[in-house]
C-alpha cells in the first residue's frame, strides 16, 4: 500500500503526560474477609498495602489491606 492509499488518522491531542482524575471522599471498595484455604497455599499474601510518591510529594494509597492465597494446582494453568 503506498503512502497516498493509507487511511488518514487524525493526530492525538497534545498531552503533557499527566492524567487528571478525582477519587470519592470515602473509598467505595467492599471489604470481604480473607478466608485462608484449607490446604497449604503455594503463596500467601496477607495485609498487602501499596503507596507511591506522586509529583507533588504526596503519598496516596494504591492498595490497602489485600489478602489472598495462591494454591498449587499441578496441570492447571
N, C-alpha and C. Protein backbone atom coordinates (compact mmCIF):
# COMPACT_ATOMS: atom_id res chain seq x y z
N UNK A 1 0.85 -1.17 0.00
CA UNK A 1 0.00 0.00 0.00
C UNK A 1 0.90 1.24 0.00
N UNK A 2 0.70 2.13 -0.90
CA UNK A 2 1.52 3.34 -0.96
C UNK A 2 1.03 4.36 0.07
N UNK A 3 1.85 5.40 0.32
CA UNK A 3 1.52 6.41 1.31
C UNK A 3 0.21 7.11 1.02
N UNK A 4 -0.08 7.36 -0.25
CA UNK A 4 -1.31 8.09 -0.56
C UNK A 4 -2.56 7.22 -0.42
N UNK A 5 -2.41 5.88 -0.29
CA UNK A 5 -3.55 4.97 -0.13
C UNK A 5 -3.83 4.64 1.34
N UNK A 6 -2.93 4.99 2.24
CA UNK A 6 -3.13 4.69 3.65
C UNK A 6 -4.25 5.55 4.22
N UNK A 7 -5.06 4.99 5.11
CA UNK A 7 -6.12 5.80 5.72
C UNK A 7 -5.51 6.90 6.57
N UNK A 8 -6.15 8.04 6.57
CA UNK A 8 -5.67 9.19 7.34
C UNK A 8 -6.17 9.07 8.79
N UNK A 9 -5.26 9.12 9.73
CA UNK A 9 -5.60 9.06 11.14
C UNK A 9 -5.33 10.43 11.74
N UNK A 10 -6.34 11.03 12.37
CA UNK A 10 -6.12 12.36 12.94
C UNK A 10 -5.09 12.30 14.06
N UNK A 11 -4.31 13.35 14.24
CA UNK A 11 -3.30 13.35 15.29
C UNK A 11 -3.97 13.35 16.67
N UNK A 12 -3.28 12.75 17.63
CA UNK A 12 -3.78 12.73 19.00
C UNK A 12 -3.67 14.14 19.59
N UNK A 13 -4.58 14.48 20.49
CA UNK A 13 -4.49 15.79 21.12
C UNK A 13 -3.20 15.93 21.91
N UNK A 14 -2.70 17.14 22.02
CA UNK A 14 -1.45 17.38 22.75
C UNK A 14 -1.63 17.00 24.21
N UNK A 15 -0.61 16.39 24.78
CA UNK A 15 -0.67 15.97 26.16
C UNK A 15 0.63 16.34 26.86
N UNK A 16 0.52 16.67 28.12
CA UNK A 16 1.72 16.99 28.90
C UNK A 16 2.16 15.79 29.73
N UNK A 17 1.57 14.62 29.45
CA UNK A 17 1.98 13.42 30.16
C UNK A 17 1.36 13.28 31.53
N UNK A 18 0.29 13.99 31.83
CA UNK A 18 -0.35 13.88 33.13
C UNK A 18 -1.80 13.49 32.96
N UNK A 19 -2.27 12.70 33.87
CA UNK A 19 -3.67 12.31 33.88
C UNK A 19 -4.34 13.03 35.03
N UNK A 20 -5.60 13.37 34.83
CA UNK A 20 -6.35 14.00 35.91
C UNK A 20 -7.54 13.12 36.24
N UNK A 21 -7.72 12.87 37.52
CA UNK A 21 -8.88 12.12 37.96
C UNK A 21 -9.17 12.52 39.39
N UNK A 22 -10.38 12.26 39.82
CA UNK A 22 -10.75 12.55 41.20
C UNK A 22 -11.25 11.26 41.84
N UNK A 23 -10.99 11.13 43.11
CA UNK A 23 -11.43 9.98 43.86
C UNK A 23 -12.56 10.38 44.79
N UNK A 24 -13.48 9.47 45.07
CA UNK A 24 -14.52 9.80 46.03
C UNK A 24 -13.90 10.08 47.39
N UNK A 25 -14.58 10.87 48.21
CA UNK A 25 -14.03 11.24 49.51
C UNK A 25 -13.85 10.03 50.42
N UNK A 26 -14.71 9.03 50.30
CA UNK A 26 -14.57 7.80 51.06
C UNK A 26 -14.43 6.64 50.08
N UNK A 27 -13.51 5.70 50.34
CA UNK A 27 -13.37 4.55 49.45
C UNK A 27 -14.68 3.78 49.33
N UNK A 28 -14.98 3.32 48.12
CA UNK A 28 -16.21 2.60 47.85
C UNK A 28 -16.00 1.10 47.80
N UNK A 29 -14.78 0.64 48.03
CA UNK A 29 -14.47 -0.78 47.89
C UNK A 29 -15.16 -1.60 48.97
N UNK A 30 -15.58 -2.78 48.59
CA UNK A 30 -16.17 -3.70 49.55
C UNK A 30 -15.07 -4.36 50.36
N UNK A 31 -15.31 -4.58 51.62
CA UNK A 31 -14.33 -5.26 52.47
C UNK A 31 -14.83 -6.68 52.70
N UNK A 32 -14.18 -7.63 52.08
CA UNK A 32 -14.54 -9.03 52.24
C UNK A 32 -13.49 -9.71 53.09
N UNK A 33 -13.89 -10.48 54.07
CA UNK A 33 -12.89 -11.14 54.92
C UNK A 33 -12.12 -12.19 54.13
N UNK A 34 -10.83 -12.31 54.45
CA UNK A 34 -10.00 -13.32 53.79
C UNK A 34 -10.17 -14.63 54.53
N UNK A 35 -10.57 -15.66 53.82
CA UNK A 35 -10.72 -16.99 54.40
C UNK A 35 -9.59 -17.85 53.85
N UNK A 36 -8.57 -18.13 54.67
CA UNK A 36 -7.45 -18.93 54.18
C UNK A 36 -7.90 -20.28 53.64
N UNK A 37 -7.19 -20.77 52.64
CA UNK A 37 -7.51 -22.06 52.03
C UNK A 37 -7.28 -23.18 53.05
N UNK A 38 -8.05 -24.25 52.89
CA UNK A 38 -7.92 -25.40 53.80
C UNK A 38 -6.56 -26.08 53.62
N UNK A 39 -6.07 -26.14 52.37
CA UNK A 39 -4.76 -26.74 52.12
C UNK A 39 -3.67 -25.67 52.21
N UNK A 40 -2.43 -26.12 52.34
CA UNK A 40 -1.30 -25.19 52.42
C UNK A 40 -1.11 -24.51 51.06
N UNK A 41 -1.15 -23.18 51.02
CA UNK A 41 -1.01 -22.49 49.73
C UNK A 41 0.44 -22.46 49.28
N UNK A 42 0.63 -22.29 47.97
CA UNK A 42 1.96 -22.10 47.40
C UNK A 42 2.48 -20.72 47.79
N UNK A 43 1.56 -19.75 47.85
CA UNK A 43 1.90 -18.39 48.23
C UNK A 43 0.74 -17.81 49.02
N UNK A 44 1.02 -17.14 50.13
CA UNK A 44 0.00 -16.45 50.91
C UNK A 44 0.44 -15.00 51.07
N UNK A 45 -0.44 -14.09 50.69
CA UNK A 45 -0.21 -12.66 50.87
C UNK A 45 -1.27 -12.18 51.84
N UNK A 46 -0.83 -11.47 52.87
CA UNK A 46 -1.77 -11.03 53.89
C UNK A 46 -1.50 -9.58 54.27
N UNK A 47 -2.53 -8.74 54.17
CA UNK A 47 -2.42 -7.34 54.59
C UNK A 47 -1.56 -6.48 53.68
N UNK A 48 -1.52 -6.78 52.39
CA UNK A 48 -0.70 -6.02 51.43
C UNK A 48 -1.20 -4.59 51.29
N UNK A 49 -0.30 -3.62 51.40
CA UNK A 49 -0.60 -2.21 51.16
C UNK A 49 0.46 -1.65 50.21
N UNK A 50 0.05 -0.81 49.28
CA UNK A 50 0.99 -0.19 48.34
C UNK A 50 0.71 1.31 48.31
N UNK A 51 1.76 2.10 48.52
CA UNK A 51 1.68 3.55 48.38
C UNK A 51 2.77 3.98 47.41
N UNK A 52 2.63 5.16 46.87
CA UNK A 52 3.65 5.69 45.98
C UNK A 52 3.78 7.19 46.22
N UNK A 53 4.85 7.77 45.73
CA UNK A 53 5.07 9.20 45.87
C UNK A 53 4.65 9.87 44.57
N UNK A 54 3.68 10.79 44.65
CA UNK A 54 3.21 11.47 43.44
C UNK A 54 4.08 12.69 43.14
N UNK A 55 3.73 13.41 42.07
CA UNK A 55 4.53 14.55 41.62
C UNK A 55 4.62 15.67 42.65
N UNK A 56 3.62 15.80 43.50
CA UNK A 56 3.63 16.87 44.49
C UNK A 56 4.25 16.43 45.82
N UNK A 57 4.73 15.19 45.89
CA UNK A 57 5.36 14.68 47.10
C UNK A 57 4.38 13.99 48.03
N UNK A 58 3.10 13.90 47.64
CA UNK A 58 2.11 13.20 48.45
C UNK A 58 2.31 11.70 48.36
N UNK A 59 1.71 10.98 49.26
CA UNK A 59 1.83 9.53 49.30
C UNK A 59 0.45 8.87 49.28
N UNK A 60 -0.20 8.84 48.11
CA UNK A 60 -1.52 8.21 48.03
C UNK A 60 -1.42 6.69 48.10
N UNK A 61 -2.46 6.07 48.66
CA UNK A 61 -2.52 4.61 48.71
C UNK A 61 -3.09 4.09 47.41
N UNK A 62 -2.45 3.10 46.82
CA UNK A 62 -2.97 2.46 45.62
C UNK A 62 -3.72 1.20 45.99
N UNK A 63 -3.27 0.51 47.04
CA UNK A 63 -3.87 -0.73 47.50
C UNK A 63 -3.85 -0.71 49.02
N UNK A 64 -4.95 -1.17 49.65
CA UNK A 64 -4.99 -1.20 51.11
C UNK A 64 -5.53 -2.54 51.59
N UNK A 65 -4.76 -3.19 52.45
CA UNK A 65 -5.17 -4.39 53.18
C UNK A 65 -5.74 -5.49 52.28
N UNK A 66 -4.95 -5.94 51.30
CA UNK A 66 -5.36 -7.02 50.39
C UNK A 66 -4.71 -8.32 50.85
N UNK A 67 -5.51 -9.38 50.93
CA UNK A 67 -5.00 -10.69 51.32
C UNK A 67 -5.52 -11.74 50.34
N UNK A 68 -4.67 -12.71 49.99
CA UNK A 68 -5.09 -13.79 49.11
C UNK A 68 -4.12 -14.95 49.21
N UNK A 69 -4.59 -16.13 48.80
CA UNK A 69 -3.78 -17.34 48.73
C UNK A 69 -3.70 -17.79 47.29
N UNK A 70 -2.56 -18.34 46.90
CA UNK A 70 -2.39 -18.98 45.60
C UNK A 70 -2.08 -20.43 45.89
N UNK A 71 -2.98 -21.31 45.42
CA UNK A 71 -2.82 -22.74 45.67
C UNK A 71 -2.01 -23.39 44.57
N UNK A 72 -1.37 -24.50 44.91
CA UNK A 72 -0.63 -25.29 43.93
C UNK A 72 -1.62 -26.21 43.24
N UNK A 73 -1.84 -26.00 41.95
CA UNK A 73 -2.76 -26.81 41.16
C UNK A 73 -1.99 -27.43 39.99
N UNK A 74 -1.28 -28.51 40.21
CA UNK A 74 -0.48 -29.13 39.14
C UNK A 74 -1.36 -29.47 37.92
N UNK A 75 -0.85 -29.13 36.74
CA UNK A 75 -1.56 -29.42 35.50
C UNK A 75 -2.66 -28.44 35.15
N UNK A 76 -2.83 -27.40 35.95
CA UNK A 76 -3.87 -26.39 35.69
C UNK A 76 -3.19 -25.04 35.53
N UNK A 77 -3.46 -24.37 34.40
CA UNK A 77 -2.99 -23.01 34.15
C UNK A 77 -1.53 -22.87 34.21
